[in-house]
Amino acid sequence: NAQTGMCIHILGDVQLDSVQGPDWYYEAGVSEASFSPDGSIVASIHYTSLKIWSSCSGELLQEMSGGWLDLRPDMAFSPQGLVLTCGDGPLRLWHPRKYRDASDEGMRAQGSPERFSRQSFCSDGSHFCTVPYDAKGKPCFHAAVRDVQHWQSSGRLLLGHTGAVNMAAFAPDDCTVVTGSSDGTAKVWNGFTGEVLHTLEGHRGPVMRALFSQPV
């Protein structure tokens, strides 16, 4: 409870003091957790599994496991309540209430890297932007805007950074995208033409996070 500070639910039963060795984070760590748009469920992601919980009761509803997450697991809810996951394998879209993969074999874009990170949906859920990783597991120097309905397309590439791209996010207008890069800049793009609208300079180090304000 954010007003009282009272813990309502503890999701999971891992005892951190029972996990030993240098890989404790990968054995026990939860890298991301998020409410669904309607607030009824919570999704949490671990390096081997995606877990779906009831936000009302704290009950574990379903666990989707497998080695497809592995390194750099990440996830995002679409406005329709689907969960997009990525890691050391193809992107996957899940129906958390039906507990199944929403795409037959996940979403693997032909000719593109198989590793992705940091997804962000536009407000109508029709497109998302993401950061590809190369075959060596390093972030590329570009982001991509992709159509949810066409998994085989690599989408619109946002090219122009001179360092690794760390994140990408949509603006509320569902067209503009911001990226943050290790080249010390953030760039604002037209996500559908790939045109750079602005380059935001002045940081003394990598830009790890950037967000648009929301309309009042």
N, C-alpha and C. Protein backbone atom coordinates (compact mmCIF):
# COMPACT_ATOMS: atom_id res chain seq x y z
N ASN A 1 0.85 -1.17 0.00
CA ASN A 1 0.00 0.00 0.00
C ASN A 1 0.89 1.24 0.00
N ALA A 2 0.82 2.05 -1.05
CA ALA A 2 1.74 3.17 -1.19
C ALA A 2 1.48 4.26 -0.15
N GLN A 3 0.28 4.31 0.40
CA GLN A 3 -0.02 5.34 1.39
C GLN A 3 0.40 4.94 2.79
N THR A 4 0.27 3.65 3.12
CA THR A 4 0.60 3.21 4.47
C THR A 4 1.96 2.54 4.57
N GLY A 5 2.50 2.09 3.41
CA GLY A 5 3.77 1.36 3.43
C GLY A 5 3.62 -0.09 3.82
N MET A 6 2.39 -0.57 3.96
CA MET A 6 2.15 -1.96 4.34
C MET A 6 2.35 -2.89 3.16
N CYS A 7 3.04 -4.00 3.39
CA CYS A 7 3.22 -5.02 2.36
C CYS A 7 1.94 -5.82 2.21
N ILE A 8 1.39 -5.86 1.01
CA ILE A 8 0.14 -6.57 0.76
C ILE A 8 0.40 -8.02 0.36
N HIS A 9 1.34 -8.24 -0.55
CA HIS A 9 1.67 -9.60 -1.01
C HIS A 9 3.18 -9.72 -1.22
N ILE A 10 3.71 -10.89 -0.96
CA ILE A 10 5.05 -11.27 -1.37
C ILE A 10 4.90 -12.32 -2.45
N LEU A 11 5.33 -12.00 -3.64
CA LEU A 11 5.15 -12.89 -4.79
C LEU A 11 6.38 -13.77 -4.95
N GLY A 12 6.26 -15.05 -4.61
CA GLY A 12 7.38 -15.97 -4.70
C GLY A 12 7.84 -16.41 -3.34
N ASP A 13 8.67 -17.46 -3.34
CA ASP A 13 9.11 -18.03 -2.06
C ASP A 13 10.61 -18.30 -2.05
N VAL A 14 11.38 -17.59 -2.91
CA VAL A 14 12.83 -17.81 -2.93
C VAL A 14 13.47 -17.15 -1.72
N GLN A 15 14.29 -17.90 -1.01
CA GLN A 15 15.05 -17.37 0.10
C GLN A 15 16.45 -17.00 -0.38
N LEU A 16 16.72 -15.70 -0.44
CA LEU A 16 18.00 -15.27 -1.01
C LEU A 16 19.19 -15.80 -0.22
N ASP A 17 19.03 -15.97 1.10
CA ASP A 17 20.17 -16.43 1.89
C ASP A 17 20.48 -17.90 1.63
N SER A 18 19.60 -18.59 0.91
CA SER A 18 19.86 -20.00 0.59
C SER A 18 20.54 -20.16 -0.77
N VAL A 19 20.68 -19.06 -1.50
CA VAL A 19 21.31 -19.11 -2.82
C VAL A 19 22.77 -18.73 -2.67
N GLN A 20 23.65 -19.59 -3.09
CA GLN A 20 25.07 -19.39 -2.91
C GLN A 20 25.78 -19.22 -4.25
N GLY A 21 26.98 -18.63 -4.18
CA GLY A 21 27.83 -18.57 -5.37
C GLY A 21 27.65 -17.29 -6.16
N PRO A 22 28.51 -17.11 -7.19
CA PRO A 22 28.52 -15.86 -7.97
C PRO A 22 27.29 -15.67 -8.84
N ASP A 23 26.51 -16.73 -9.06
CA ASP A 23 25.35 -16.63 -9.94
C ASP A 23 24.05 -16.43 -9.17
N TRP A 24 24.14 -15.85 -7.97
CA TRP A 24 22.95 -15.70 -7.14
C TRP A 24 21.88 -14.87 -7.83
N TYR A 25 22.29 -13.85 -8.58
CA TYR A 25 21.29 -13.00 -9.24
C TYR A 25 20.50 -13.79 -10.26
N TYR A 26 21.20 -14.61 -11.03
CA TYR A 26 20.52 -15.38 -12.08
C TYR A 26 19.67 -16.49 -11.50
N GLU A 27 20.01 -16.96 -10.31
CA GLU A 27 19.23 -18.02 -9.68
C GLU A 27 17.98 -17.48 -8.99
N ALA A 28 18.08 -16.28 -8.43
CA ALA A 28 16.99 -15.80 -7.58
C ALA A 28 16.41 -14.46 -7.99
N GLY A 29 17.11 -13.69 -8.79
CA GLY A 29 16.72 -12.32 -9.04
C GLY A 29 15.51 -12.19 -9.96
N VAL A 30 14.62 -11.25 -9.64
CA VAL A 30 13.52 -10.85 -10.52
C VAL A 30 13.96 -9.55 -11.18
N SER A 31 14.08 -9.56 -12.50
CA SER A 31 14.64 -8.40 -13.18
C SER A 31 13.59 -7.36 -13.54
N GLU A 32 12.30 -7.75 -13.58
CA GLU A 32 11.26 -6.81 -13.98
C GLU A 32 9.92 -7.30 -13.44
N ALA A 33 9.07 -6.36 -13.04
CA ALA A 33 7.71 -6.69 -12.62
C ALA A 33 6.81 -5.53 -13.00
N SER A 34 5.59 -5.85 -13.45
CA SER A 34 4.70 -4.80 -13.93
C SER A 34 3.24 -5.21 -13.79
N PHE A 35 2.37 -4.23 -13.52
CA PHE A 35 0.94 -4.47 -13.53
C PHE A 35 0.41 -4.49 -14.96
N SER A 36 -0.62 -5.27 -15.21
CA SER A 36 -1.34 -5.21 -16.47
C SER A 36 -2.07 -3.87 -16.55
N PRO A 37 -2.47 -3.44 -17.75
CA PRO A 37 -3.14 -2.13 -17.88
C PRO A 37 -4.37 -1.99 -16.99
N ASP A 38 -5.11 -3.09 -16.75
CA ASP A 38 -6.30 -2.98 -15.89
C ASP A 38 -5.99 -3.24 -14.41
N GLY A 39 -4.71 -3.53 -14.11
CA GLY A 39 -4.29 -3.70 -12.72
C GLY A 39 -4.66 -5.01 -12.08
N SER A 40 -5.26 -5.93 -12.83
CA SER A 40 -5.76 -7.17 -12.21
C SER A 40 -4.69 -8.23 -12.04
N ILE A 41 -3.64 -8.18 -12.84
CA ILE A 41 -2.56 -9.17 -12.72
C ILE A 41 -1.22 -8.46 -12.68
N VAL A 42 -0.24 -9.20 -12.19
CA VAL A 42 1.15 -8.74 -12.18
C VAL A 42 1.98 -9.77 -12.94
N ALA A 43 2.83 -9.29 -13.84
CA ALA A 43 3.78 -10.16 -14.52
C ALA A 43 5.16 -9.88 -13.97
N SER A 44 5.90 -10.94 -13.64
CA SER A 44 7.29 -10.79 -13.19
C SER A 44 8.16 -11.69 -14.05
N ILE A 45 9.37 -11.23 -14.31
CA ILE A 45 10.25 -11.96 -15.22
C ILE A 45 11.57 -12.27 -14.54
N HIS A 46 12.00 -13.51 -14.72
CA HIS A 46 13.22 -14.07 -14.18
C HIS A 46 14.00 -14.57 -15.38
N TYR A 47 15.25 -14.90 -15.20
CA TYR A 47 16.04 -15.26 -16.38
C TYR A 47 15.59 -16.57 -17.02
N THR A 48 14.75 -17.37 -16.34
CA THR A 48 14.25 -18.59 -16.96
C THR A 48 12.74 -18.65 -17.08
N SER A 49 12.01 -17.66 -16.57
CA SER A 49 10.56 -17.81 -16.56
C SER A 49 9.84 -16.47 -16.52
N LEU A 50 8.61 -16.50 -17.01
CA LEU A 50 7.66 -15.41 -16.87
C LEU A 50 6.55 -15.91 -15.97
N LYS A 51 6.24 -15.18 -14.90
CA LYS A 51 5.21 -15.60 -13.96
C LYS A 51 4.08 -14.58 -13.95
N ILE A 52 2.85 -15.10 -13.91
CA ILE A 52 1.64 -14.29 -13.89
C ILE A 52 0.94 -14.48 -12.54
N TRP A 53 0.68 -13.37 -11.84
CA TRP A 53 0.12 -13.41 -10.50
C TRP A 53 -1.19 -12.64 -10.45
N SER A 54 -2.06 -13.01 -9.53
CA SER A 54 -3.24 -12.22 -9.23
C SER A 54 -2.83 -11.07 -8.32
N SER A 55 -3.12 -9.85 -8.74
CA SER A 55 -2.76 -8.71 -7.91
C SER A 55 -3.68 -8.60 -6.69
N CYS A 56 -4.85 -9.24 -6.76
CA CYS A 56 -5.80 -9.20 -5.64
C CYS A 56 -5.41 -10.18 -4.54
N SER A 57 -5.10 -11.42 -4.94
CA SER A 57 -4.84 -12.47 -3.95
C SER A 57 -3.36 -12.78 -3.78
N GLY A 58 -2.53 -12.40 -4.75
CA GLY A 58 -1.12 -12.78 -4.72
C GLY A 58 -0.87 -14.19 -5.20
N GLU A 59 -1.92 -14.87 -5.69
CA GLU A 59 -1.80 -16.25 -6.15
C GLU A 59 -1.04 -16.32 -7.48
N LEU A 60 -0.16 -17.31 -7.60
CA LEU A 60 0.52 -17.57 -8.86
C LEU A 60 -0.47 -18.23 -9.80
N LEU A 61 -0.79 -17.58 -10.90
CA LEU A 61 -1.77 -18.10 -11.85
C LEU A 61 -1.13 -19.00 -12.90
N GLN A 62 0.05 -18.62 -13.35
CA GLN A 62 0.72 -19.42 -14.39
C GLN A 62 2.18 -19.05 -14.46
N GLU A 63 2.99 -20.04 -14.88
CA GLU A 63 4.41 -19.82 -15.11
C GLU A 63 4.76 -20.34 -16.50
N MET A 64 5.35 -19.48 -17.31
CA MET A 64 5.85 -19.88 -18.62
C MET A 64 7.37 -19.92 -18.52
N SER A 65 7.94 -21.09 -18.67
CA SER A 65 9.38 -21.23 -18.45
C SER A 65 10.06 -21.75 -19.69
N GLY A 66 11.39 -21.59 -19.70
CA GLY A 66 12.20 -22.05 -20.82
C GLY A 66 13.44 -21.22 -20.96
N GLY A 67 14.39 -21.68 -21.76
CA GLY A 67 15.66 -20.99 -21.92
C GLY A 67 15.61 -19.82 -22.87
N TRP A 68 14.40 -19.48 -23.35
CA TRP A 68 14.29 -18.39 -24.31
C TRP A 68 14.52 -17.02 -23.69
N LEU A 69 14.51 -16.90 -22.36
CA LEU A 69 14.79 -15.61 -21.73
C LEU A 69 16.28 -15.46 -21.48
N ASP A 70 16.81 -16.28 -20.60
CA ASP A 70 18.24 -16.36 -20.34
C ASP A 70 18.83 -14.99 -20.03
N LEU A 71 19.61 -14.41 -20.96
CA LEU A 71 20.31 -13.16 -20.70
C LEU A 71 19.40 -11.96 -20.96
N ARG A 72 19.56 -10.93 -20.15
CA ARG A 72 18.85 -9.65 -20.31
C ARG A 72 17.34 -9.81 -20.48
N PRO A 73 16.68 -10.55 -19.62
CA PRO A 73 15.22 -10.69 -19.79
C PRO A 73 14.53 -9.35 -19.62
N ASP A 74 13.52 -9.12 -20.42
CA ASP A 74 12.79 -7.87 -20.37
C ASP A 74 11.36 -8.13 -20.83
N MET A 75 10.43 -7.25 -20.48
CA MET A 75 9.05 -7.46 -20.88
C MET A 75 8.33 -6.12 -20.92
N ALA A 76 7.18 -6.13 -21.59
CA ALA A 76 6.32 -4.94 -21.64
C ALA A 76 4.89 -5.40 -21.87
N PHE A 77 3.93 -4.76 -21.20
CA PHE A 77 2.52 -5.00 -21.46
C PHE A 77 2.06 -4.13 -22.62
N SER A 78 1.27 -4.71 -23.52
CA SER A 78 0.59 -3.92 -24.53
C SER A 78 -0.66 -3.32 -23.90
N PRO A 79 -1.24 -2.27 -24.51
CA PRO A 79 -2.48 -1.71 -23.96
C PRO A 79 -3.62 -2.72 -23.90
N GLN A 80 -3.54 -3.78 -24.73
CA GLN A 80 -4.56 -4.82 -24.73
C GLN A 80 -4.31 -5.89 -23.68
N GLY A 81 -3.20 -5.77 -22.94
CA GLY A 81 -2.92 -6.72 -21.87
C GLY A 81 -2.07 -7.91 -22.28
N LEU A 82 -1.53 -7.92 -23.50
CA LEU A 82 -0.60 -8.96 -23.90
C LEU A 82 0.79 -8.63 -23.35
N VAL A 83 1.60 -9.66 -23.15
CA VAL A 83 2.95 -9.46 -22.61
C VAL A 83 3.98 -9.80 -23.68
N LEU A 84 4.84 -8.84 -23.99
CA LEU A 84 5.93 -9.05 -24.93
C LEU A 84 7.19 -9.31 -24.13
N THR A 85 7.85 -10.45 -24.39
CA THR A 85 9.07 -10.78 -23.67
C THR A 85 10.23 -10.94 -24.64
N CYS A 86 11.43 -10.72 -24.12
CA CYS A 86 12.63 -10.94 -24.92
C CYS A 86 13.75 -11.38 -24.00
N GLY A 87 14.80 -11.87 -24.60
CA GLY A 87 15.98 -12.31 -23.87
C GLY A 87 16.97 -12.87 -24.84
N ASP A 88 17.51 -14.03 -24.53
CA ASP A 88 18.52 -14.65 -25.37
C ASP A 88 17.85 -15.54 -26.41
N GLY A 89 16.89 -15.00 -27.14
CA GLY A 89 16.13 -15.77 -28.10
C GLY A 89 15.10 -14.88 -28.76
N PRO A 90 14.16 -15.45 -29.52
CA PRO A 90 13.20 -14.62 -30.25
C PRO A 90 12.23 -13.90 -29.33
N LEU A 91 11.71 -12.79 -29.82
CA LEU A 91 10.63 -12.12 -29.12
C LEU A 91 9.43 -13.05 -29.03
N ARG A 92 8.69 -12.93 -27.94
CA ARG A 92 7.47 -13.72 -27.80
C ARG A 92 6.36 -12.84 -27.25
N LEU A 93 5.16 -13.08 -27.74
CA LEU A 93 3.98 -12.37 -27.27
C LEU A 93 3.07 -13.37 -26.58
N TRP A 94 2.66 -13.05 -25.35
CA TRP A 94 1.91 -14.00 -24.54
C TRP A 94 0.52 -13.46 -24.22
N HIS A 95 -0.46 -14.40 -24.18
CA HIS A 95 -1.78 -14.11 -23.64
C HIS A 95 -1.74 -14.50 -22.16
N PRO A 96 -1.55 -13.56 -21.24
CA PRO A 96 -1.40 -13.96 -19.83
C PRO A 96 -2.65 -14.60 -19.24
N ARG A 97 -3.83 -14.31 -19.78
CA ARG A 97 -5.05 -14.90 -19.24
C ARG A 97 -5.36 -16.26 -19.86
N LYS A 98 -4.81 -16.49 -21.05
CA LYS A 98 -5.00 -17.79 -21.69
C LYS A 98 -3.78 -18.69 -21.47
N TYR A 99 -2.70 -18.10 -20.89
CA TYR A 99 -1.51 -18.85 -20.54
C TYR A 99 -0.91 -19.59 -21.73
N ARG A 100 -0.79 -18.90 -22.86
CA ARG A 100 -0.17 -19.53 -24.01
C ARG A 100 0.54 -18.47 -24.84
N ASP A 101 1.44 -18.96 -25.69
CA ASP A 101 2.17 -18.10 -26.61
C ASP A 101 1.18 -17.60 -27.66
N ALA A 102 1.10 -16.29 -27.84
CA ALA A 102 0.15 -15.72 -28.79
C ALA A 102 0.62 -15.85 -30.23
N SER A 103 1.89 -16.19 -30.43
CA SER A 103 2.42 -16.42 -31.77
C SER A 103 2.91 -17.86 -31.84
N ASP A 104 2.72 -18.51 -32.97
CA ASP A 104 2.96 -19.95 -33.06
C ASP A 104 4.37 -20.34 -32.64
N GLU A 105 5.36 -19.59 -33.08
CA GLU A 105 6.75 -19.93 -32.76
C GLU A 105 7.48 -18.72 -32.21
N GLY A 106 6.76 -17.87 -31.49
CA GLY A 106 7.38 -16.64 -31.05
C GLY A 106 7.50 -15.69 -32.24
N MET A 107 8.21 -14.62 -32.08
CA MET A 107 8.34 -13.64 -33.15
C MET A 107 9.81 -13.49 -33.47
N ARG A 108 10.22 -14.14 -34.49
CA ARG A 108 11.63 -14.09 -34.88
C ARG A 108 11.71 -13.37 -36.23
N ALA A 109 12.33 -12.23 -36.26
CA ALA A 109 12.43 -11.46 -37.49
C ALA A 109 13.58 -11.99 -38.35
N GLN A 110 13.27 -12.45 -39.54
CA GLN A 110 14.30 -13.00 -40.41
C GLN A 110 15.29 -11.90 -40.79
N GLY A 111 16.57 -12.25 -40.74
CA GLY A 111 17.61 -11.31 -41.12
C GLY A 111 17.95 -10.31 -40.04
N SER A 112 17.34 -10.42 -38.87
CA SER A 112 17.61 -9.50 -37.77
C SER A 112 18.21 -10.26 -36.60
N PRO A 113 18.90 -9.55 -35.68
CA PRO A 113 19.43 -10.23 -34.49
C PRO A 113 18.30 -10.89 -33.71
N GLU A 114 18.59 -11.97 -33.03
CA GLU A 114 17.56 -12.70 -32.29
C GLU A 114 17.40 -12.19 -30.87
N ARG A 115 18.30 -11.31 -30.42
CA ARG A 115 18.22 -10.80 -29.07
C ARG A 115 17.72 -9.36 -29.10
N PHE A 116 16.82 -9.06 -28.18
CA PHE A 116 16.24 -7.74 -28.12
C PHE A 116 16.13 -7.32 -26.66
N SER A 117 15.95 -6.02 -26.45
CA SER A 117 15.76 -5.53 -25.10
C SER A 117 14.96 -4.24 -25.14
N ARG A 118 14.34 -3.91 -24.02
CA ARG A 118 13.68 -2.63 -23.81
C ARG A 118 12.59 -2.32 -24.82
N GLN A 119 11.47 -3.03 -24.71
CA GLN A 119 10.35 -2.78 -25.59
C GLN A 119 9.47 -1.66 -25.04
N SER A 120 8.81 -0.96 -25.96
CA SER A 120 7.84 0.06 -25.59
C SER A 120 6.73 0.05 -26.63
N PHE A 121 5.48 -0.10 -26.20
CA PHE A 121 4.34 -0.09 -27.11
C PHE A 121 3.83 1.34 -27.31
N CYS A 122 3.27 1.59 -28.50
CA CYS A 122 2.49 2.81 -28.68
C CYS A 122 1.14 2.62 -27.99
N SER A 123 0.38 3.69 -27.84
CA SER A 123 -0.80 3.63 -26.97
C SER A 123 -1.92 2.76 -27.52
N ASP A 124 -1.97 2.54 -28.85
CA ASP A 124 -3.02 1.67 -29.38
C ASP A 124 -2.56 0.22 -29.54
N GLY A 125 -1.30 -0.07 -29.19
CA GLY A 125 -0.79 -1.43 -29.21
C GLY A 125 -0.45 -1.97 -30.58
N SER A 126 -0.51 -1.13 -31.62
CA SER A 126 -0.29 -1.63 -32.99
C SER A 126 1.20 -1.76 -33.34
N HIS A 127 2.05 -1.01 -32.69
CA HIS A 127 3.49 -1.03 -32.96
C HIS A 127 4.26 -1.01 -31.63
N PHE A 128 5.50 -1.45 -31.69
CA PHE A 128 6.37 -1.34 -30.54
C PHE A 128 7.77 -1.01 -31.03
N CYS A 129 8.55 -0.38 -30.19
CA CYS A 129 9.96 -0.13 -30.52
C CYS A 129 10.81 -0.96 -29.57
N THR A 130 11.96 -1.35 -30.07
CA THR A 130 12.84 -2.24 -29.30
C THR A 130 14.28 -2.01 -29.72
N VAL A 131 15.20 -2.52 -28.91
CA VAL A 131 16.62 -2.39 -29.19
C VAL A 131 17.20 -3.77 -29.52
N PRO A 132 17.66 -3.98 -30.74
CA PRO A 132 18.26 -5.28 -31.08
C PRO A 132 19.66 -5.43 -30.49
N TYR A 133 20.04 -6.68 -30.27
CA TYR A 133 21.40 -7.03 -29.87
C TYR A 133 22.04 -7.84 -31.00
N ASP A 134 23.37 -7.70 -31.13
CA ASP A 134 24.06 -8.44 -32.18
C ASP A 134 24.34 -9.87 -31.73
N ALA A 135 24.99 -10.64 -32.60
CA ALA A 135 25.23 -12.06 -32.32
C ALA A 135 26.14 -12.27 -31.12
N LYS A 136 26.90 -11.25 -30.73
CA LYS A 136 27.79 -11.36 -29.58
C LYS A 136 27.14 -10.88 -28.29
N GLY A 137 25.86 -10.54 -28.37
CA GLY A 137 25.15 -10.12 -27.17
C GLY A 137 25.35 -8.66 -26.81
N LYS A 138 25.80 -7.84 -27.75
CA LYS A 138 26.00 -6.42 -27.49
C LYS A 138 24.89 -5.62 -28.18
N PRO A 139 24.43 -4.53 -27.55
CA PRO A 139 23.37 -3.73 -28.17
C PRO A 139 23.85 -3.09 -29.46
N CYS A 140 22.97 -3.06 -30.45
CA CYS A 140 23.31 -2.44 -31.73
C CYS A 140 23.31 -0.92 -31.61
N PHE A 141 23.75 -0.26 -32.68
CA PHE A 141 23.79 1.19 -32.71
C PHE A 141 22.47 1.77 -33.25
N HIS A 142 21.41 0.98 -33.26
CA HIS A 142 20.13 1.45 -33.77
C HIS A 142 18.99 0.80 -32.98
N ALA A 143 17.82 1.39 -33.09
CA ALA A 143 16.59 0.81 -32.56
C ALA A 143 15.70 0.45 -33.74
N ALA A 144 14.58 -0.20 -33.45
CA ALA A 144 13.66 -0.60 -34.51
C ALA A 144 12.23 -0.39 -34.06
N VAL A 145 11.38 0.06 -34.98
CA VAL A 145 9.94 0.16 -34.76
C VAL A 145 9.29 -0.94 -35.57
N ARG A 146 8.49 -1.78 -34.92
CA ARG A 146 7.94 -2.96 -35.58
C ARG A 146 6.43 -3.03 -35.43
N ASP A 147 5.80 -3.61 -36.43
CA ASP A 147 4.35 -3.78 -36.49
C ASP A 147 3.99 -5.07 -35.75
N VAL A 148 3.08 -4.99 -34.78
CA VAL A 148 2.70 -6.16 -34.00
C VAL A 148 2.11 -7.26 -34.87
N GLN A 149 1.46 -6.90 -35.96
CA GLN A 149 0.79 -7.88 -36.81
C GLN A 149 1.71 -8.55 -37.82
N HIS A 150 2.93 -8.07 -37.97
CA HIS A 150 3.82 -8.63 -39.01
C HIS A 150 5.19 -8.96 -38.38
N TRP A 151 5.24 -10.18 -37.79
CA TRP A 151 6.43 -10.57 -37.04
C TRP A 151 7.65 -10.75 -37.93
N GLN A 152 7.45 -11.10 -39.19
CA GLN A 152 8.60 -11.41 -40.04
C GLN A 152 9.30 -10.17 -40.57
N SER A 153 8.70 -9.01 -40.37
CA SER A 153 9.33 -7.78 -40.83
C SER A 153 10.29 -7.25 -39.78
N SER A 154 11.45 -6.79 -40.21
CA SER A 154 12.41 -6.22 -39.26
C SER A 154 12.02 -4.80 -38.86
N GLY A 155 11.01 -4.24 -39.54
CA GLY A 155 10.48 -2.94 -39.15
C GLY A 155 11.33 -1.78 -39.65
N ARG A 156 11.01 -0.60 -39.14
CA ARG A 156 11.75 0.61 -39.48
C ARG A 156 12.94 0.75 -38.55
N LEU A 157 14.15 0.79 -39.13
CA LEU A 157 15.35 0.95 -38.32
C LEU A 157 15.63 2.43 -38.10
N LEU A 158 15.97 2.79 -36.88
CA LEU A 158 16.31 4.16 -36.52
C LEU A 158 17.82 4.26 -36.45
N LEU A 159 18.43 4.75 -37.54
CA LEU A 159 19.88 4.75 -37.73
C LEU A 159 20.44 6.15 -37.55
N GLY A 160 21.54 6.27 -36.80
CA GLY A 160 22.15 7.57 -36.62
C GLY A 160 23.02 7.71 -35.39
N HIS A 161 22.84 6.85 -34.41
CA HIS A 161 23.69 6.89 -33.22
C HIS A 161 25.08 6.35 -33.55
N THR A 162 26.08 6.84 -32.84
CA THR A 162 27.46 6.37 -33.01
C THR A 162 27.91 5.49 -31.85
N GLY A 163 26.99 5.16 -30.97
CA GLY A 163 27.26 4.25 -29.87
C GLY A 163 26.06 3.34 -29.67
N ALA A 164 26.22 2.38 -28.76
CA ALA A 164 25.15 1.42 -28.50
C ALA A 164 23.88 2.12 -28.03
N VAL A 165 22.74 1.68 -28.53
CA VAL A 165 21.45 2.22 -28.09
C VAL A 165 21.01 1.46 -26.85
N ASN A 166 20.67 2.19 -25.81
CA ASN A 166 20.32 1.57 -24.53
C ASN A 166 18.81 1.45 -24.30
N MET A 167 18.02 2.27 -24.99
CA MET A 167 16.58 2.23 -24.79
C MET A 167 15.87 2.94 -25.93
N ALA A 168 14.58 2.66 -26.06
CA ALA A 168 13.73 3.35 -27.02
C ALA A 168 12.32 3.39 -26.45
N ALA A 169 11.62 4.50 -26.66
CA ALA A 169 10.27 4.63 -26.11
C ALA A 169 9.41 5.50 -27.01
N PHE A 170 8.13 5.15 -27.11
CA PHE A 170 7.16 5.93 -27.87
C PHE A 170 6.70 7.15 -27.08
N ALA A 171 6.35 8.19 -27.84
CA ALA A 171 5.66 9.35 -27.27
C ALA A 171 4.17 9.09 -27.26
N PRO A 172 3.39 9.89 -26.53
CA PRO A 172 1.94 9.70 -26.50
C PRO A 172 1.27 9.88 -27.87
N ASP A 173 1.96 10.53 -28.84
CA ASP A 173 1.35 10.72 -30.15
C ASP A 173 1.41 9.48 -31.03
N ASP A 174 2.03 8.39 -30.52
CA ASP A 174 2.12 7.11 -31.22
C ASP A 174 2.94 7.16 -32.51
N CYS A 175 3.71 8.21 -32.70
CA CYS A 175 4.54 8.36 -33.90
C CYS A 175 5.98 8.67 -33.54
N THR A 176 6.17 9.54 -32.57
CA THR A 176 7.50 9.99 -32.20
C THR A 176 8.15 9.00 -31.23
N VAL A 177 9.44 8.78 -31.41
CA VAL A 177 10.21 7.85 -30.57
C VAL A 177 11.45 8.55 -30.05
N VAL A 178 11.81 8.29 -28.80
CA VAL A 178 13.08 8.77 -28.25
C VAL A 178 13.99 7.58 -27.99
N THR A 179 15.27 7.75 -28.29
CA THR A 179 16.28 6.73 -27.99
C THR A 179 17.38 7.35 -27.15
N GLY A 180 17.98 6.55 -26.28
CA GLY A 180 19.13 6.97 -25.50
C GLY A 180 20.31 6.09 -25.84
N SER A 181 21.49 6.66 -25.94
CA SER A 181 22.64 5.92 -26.45
C SER A 181 23.89 6.14 -25.61
N SER A 182 24.81 5.20 -25.74
CA SER A 182 26.11 5.33 -25.08
C SER A 182 27.00 6.35 -25.77
N ASP A 183 26.55 6.94 -26.88
CA ASP A 183 27.31 8.03 -27.50
C ASP A 183 27.07 9.36 -26.78
N GLY A 184 26.28 9.33 -25.69
CA GLY A 184 26.05 10.53 -24.89
C GLY A 184 24.90 11.39 -25.36
N THR A 185 24.12 10.93 -26.32
CA THR A 185 23.00 11.71 -26.82
C THR A 185 21.70 10.93 -26.70
N ALA A 186 20.62 11.68 -26.70
CA ALA A 186 19.28 11.14 -26.94
C ALA A 186 18.83 11.71 -28.27
N LYS A 187 18.09 10.91 -29.02
CA LYS A 187 17.57 11.37 -30.30
C LYS A 187 16.06 11.19 -30.33
N VAL A 188 15.40 12.17 -30.95
CA VAL A 188 13.95 12.12 -31.14
C VAL A 188 13.70 11.87 -32.62
N TRP A 189 12.87 10.87 -32.91
CA TRP A 189 12.68 10.39 -34.28
C TRP A 189 11.21 10.42 -34.68
N ASN A 190 10.98 10.50 -35.98
CA ASN A 190 9.72 10.05 -36.52
C ASN A 190 9.85 8.54 -36.66
N GLY A 191 9.09 7.81 -35.86
CA GLY A 191 9.29 6.36 -35.79
C GLY A 191 8.90 5.62 -37.05
N PHE A 192 8.16 6.25 -37.94
CA PHE A 192 7.67 5.54 -39.11
C PHE A 192 8.42 5.91 -40.39
N THR A 193 9.14 7.04 -40.36
CA THR A 193 9.98 7.40 -41.51
C THR A 193 11.46 7.20 -41.20
N GLY A 194 11.81 7.14 -39.91
CA GLY A 194 13.22 7.02 -39.52
C GLY A 194 13.95 8.34 -39.50
N GLU A 195 13.25 9.45 -39.70
CA GLU A 195 13.88 10.77 -39.71
C GLU A 195 14.24 11.21 -38.29
N VAL A 196 15.46 11.75 -38.13
CA VAL A 196 15.86 12.32 -36.85
C VAL A 196 15.28 13.72 -36.74
N LEU A 197 14.47 13.95 -35.72
CA LEU A 197 13.85 15.26 -35.52
C LEU A 197 14.73 16.16 -34.66
N HIS A 198 15.35 15.59 -33.64
CA HIS A 198 16.21 16.35 -32.73
C HIS A 198 17.30 15.44 -32.19
N THR A 199 18.48 15.99 -31.97
CA THR A 199 19.54 15.31 -31.24
C THR A 199 19.79 16.09 -29.96
N LEU A 200 19.59 15.46 -28.83
CA LEU A 200 19.69 16.11 -27.52
C LEU A 200 21.06 15.83 -26.93
N GLU A 201 21.90 16.85 -26.88
CA GLU A 201 23.28 16.69 -26.46
C GLU A 201 23.50 17.38 -25.11
N GLY A 202 24.64 17.07 -24.48
CA GLY A 202 24.99 17.72 -23.23
C GLY A 202 25.29 16.77 -22.09
N HIS A 203 24.90 15.49 -22.22
CA HIS A 203 25.24 14.51 -21.18
C HIS A 203 26.74 14.21 -21.20
N ARG A 204 27.27 13.89 -20.05
CA ARG A 204 28.70 13.58 -19.93
C ARG A 204 28.97 12.09 -19.94
N GLY A 205 27.95 11.32 -20.16
CA GLY A 205 28.11 9.87 -20.20
C GLY A 205 26.97 9.25 -20.98
N PRO A 206 26.84 7.93 -20.93
CA PRO A 206 25.78 7.25 -21.66
C PRO A 206 24.39 7.69 -21.20
N VAL A 207 23.46 7.75 -22.14
CA VAL A 207 22.06 8.02 -21.81
C VAL A 207 21.37 6.67 -21.68
N MET A 208 20.99 6.33 -20.46
CA MET A 208 20.42 5.02 -20.20
C MET A 208 18.89 5.02 -20.21
N ARG A 209 18.30 6.21 -20.04
CA ARG A 209 16.84 6.26 -19.92
C ARG A 209 16.35 7.62 -20.41
N ALA A 210 15.26 7.64 -21.14
CA ALA A 210 14.64 8.89 -21.58
C ALA A 210 13.14 8.62 -21.72
N LEU A 211 12.33 9.61 -21.35
CA LEU A 211 10.88 9.46 -21.39
C LEU A 211 10.22 10.73 -21.87
N PHE A 212 9.08 10.61 -22.52
CA PHE A 212 8.25 11.75 -22.86
C PHE A 212 7.30 12.06 -21.71
N SER A 213 6.97 13.33 -21.55
CA SER A 213 5.92 13.67 -20.60
C SER A 213 4.57 13.19 -21.13
N GLN A 214 3.62 13.02 -20.23
CA GLN A 214 2.29 12.56 -20.60
C GLN A 214 1.31 13.72 -20.61
N PRO A 215 0.33 13.68 -21.52
CA PRO A 215 -0.65 14.77 -21.54
C PRO A 215 -1.46 14.81 -20.25
N VAL A 216 -1.80 16.01 -19.83
CA VAL A 216 -2.56 16.19 -18.59
C VAL A 216 -4.05 16.00 -18.87
